[in-house]
Amino acid sequence: MSRNTEPCIGQAPSIYQLRLRPDAQPIAATSDQSVMQCAMQAGFEMRASCRNGTCRACIRRLLSGQVRYRIEWPGLSAEEKAEGYILPCVAHAQSDLILDAEV
């Protein structure tokens, strides 16, 4: 579900649609910002504490789409990753995304 690849230097970030729940209006999500940063810039609040992938306060299930992480292994178990959970504070959109309601 996730890939650890950095965009090419000088390459403009990609822009995707992000829905914070299946029935929500889409907002813009850029590949150079975390999903959480994009949501907060659009006026949405998300639970957060550390914002570096360790506290897990922001955990959400990814219903559709792909993300990548800029850290090697965010604070998710292999089972959680297999079930589609992401940490929006360190996840970056790689496609249009739909998240489930907060856990």
Protein backbone atom coordinates (compact mmCIF):
# COMPACT_ATOMS: atom_id res chain seq x y z
CA MET A 1 0.00 0.00 0.00
CA SER A 2 2.82 2.45 0.64
CA ARG A 3 6.06 3.20 -1.13
CA ASN A 4 9.06 5.10 0.12
CA THR A 5 10.00 7.18 -2.89
CA GLU A 6 10.88 10.85 -2.94
CA PRO A 7 9.77 13.12 -5.77
CA CYS A 8 12.48 14.32 -8.12
CA ILE A 9 14.13 17.56 -7.06
CA GLY A 10 12.48 20.48 -8.80
CA GLN A 11 9.40 18.43 -9.69
CA ALA A 12 6.09 20.11 -8.87
CA PRO A 13 4.01 18.23 -6.30
CA SER A 14 1.08 16.19 -7.55
CA ILE A 15 -2.40 17.22 -6.44
CA TYR A 16 -5.00 14.60 -5.51
CA GLN A 17 -8.48 14.55 -4.02
CA LEU A 18 -8.81 13.63 -0.35
CA ARG A 19 -12.06 12.66 1.34
CA LEU A 20 -11.89 12.44 5.12
CA ARG A 21 -14.82 10.01 5.05
CA PRO A 22 -16.63 8.40 2.10
CA ASP A 23 -19.54 10.89 2.05
CA ALA A 24 -17.41 14.03 2.59
CA GLN A 25 -16.63 16.69 0.02
CA PRO A 26 -13.15 16.28 -1.47
CA ILE A 27 -10.31 18.60 -0.55
CA ALA A 28 -6.91 18.99 -2.18
CA ALA A 29 -4.04 16.77 -1.05
CA THR A 30 -0.58 17.46 -2.40
CA SER A 31 2.16 14.86 -2.55
CA ASP A 32 4.64 17.15 -0.79
CA GLN A 33 2.57 17.56 2.40
CA SER A 34 1.21 15.03 4.86
CA VAL A 35 -2.44 14.09 4.63
CA MET A 36 -2.91 15.77 8.02
CA GLN A 37 -1.32 19.03 6.85
CA CYS A 38 -3.61 19.11 3.81
CA ALA A 39 -6.71 18.46 5.93
CA MET A 40 -5.78 21.13 8.47
CA GLN A 41 -5.07 23.70 5.73
CA ALA A 42 -8.58 23.03 4.41
CA GLY A 43 -10.02 23.80 7.87
CA PHE A 44 -10.50 20.26 9.19
CA GLU A 45 -9.26 19.17 12.58
CA MET A 46 -7.62 15.81 13.09
CA ARG A 47 -6.57 14.24 16.35
CA ALA A 48 -2.82 14.49 16.71
CA SER A 49 -0.10 14.66 19.30
CA CYS A 50 3.41 13.87 18.10
CA ARG A 51 3.01 14.46 14.34
CA ASN A 52 5.95 12.14 13.67
CA GLY A 53 4.30 8.72 13.45
CA THR A 54 4.81 7.42 16.97
CA CYS A 55 1.82 8.41 19.14
CA ARG A 56 -0.85 6.94 16.80
CA ALA A 57 -3.47 9.53 17.82
CA CYS A 58 -4.29 10.22 14.16
CA ILE A 59 -4.67 6.59 13.00
CA ARG A 60 -7.29 6.16 10.26
CA ARG A 61 -8.26 3.40 7.86
CA LEU A 62 -7.50 4.09 4.21
CA LEU A 63 -10.52 2.90 2.22
CA SER A 64 -9.16 3.82 -1.19
CA GLY A 65 -5.90 5.09 -2.65
CA GLN A 66 -2.18 4.89 -2.01
CA VAL A 67 0.15 6.75 0.34
CA ARG A 68 3.87 6.80 0.94
CA TYR A 69 5.84 7.58 4.06
CA ARG A 70 8.95 9.69 4.44
CA ILE A 71 9.99 7.62 7.43
CA GLU A 72 11.11 4.01 7.12
CA TRP A 73 8.45 2.43 9.34
CA PRO A 74 5.67 4.49 10.91
CA GLY A 75 4.17 3.37 14.22
CA LEU A 76 1.89 0.73 12.71
CA SER A 77 2.01 -3.03 13.16
CA ALA A 78 2.21 -5.26 10.10
CA GLU A 79 -1.38 -6.33 10.80
CA GLU A 80 -2.61 -2.72 10.92
CA LYS A 81 -0.88 -1.93 7.64
CA ALA A 82 -2.43 -5.06 6.08
CA GLU A 83 -5.87 -3.91 7.31
CA GLY A 84 -5.37 -0.55 5.60
CA TYR A 85 -4.56 1.71 8.54
CA ILE A 86 -2.38 4.77 7.97
CA LEU A 87 -0.97 7.57 10.09
CA PRO A 88 -2.09 10.79 8.32
CA CYS A 89 0.55 12.86 10.13
CA VAL A 90 3.33 11.16 8.15
CA ALA A 91 1.44 9.75 5.13
CA HIS A 92 1.67 11.52 1.77
CA ALA A 93 -0.91 11.04 -0.99
CA GLN A 94 0.15 9.16 -4.10
CA SER A 95 -3.37 9.00 -5.55
CA ASP A 96 -6.88 10.18 -4.70
CA LEU A 97 -7.66 9.07 -1.13
CA ILE A 98 -10.74 8.15 0.86
CA LEU A 99 -10.34 7.72 4.62
CA ASP A 100 -12.79 6.17 7.05
CA ALA A 101 -14.15 8.15 9.99
CA GLU A 102 -11.84 8.46 12.98
CA VAL A 103 -11.10 5.23 14.84
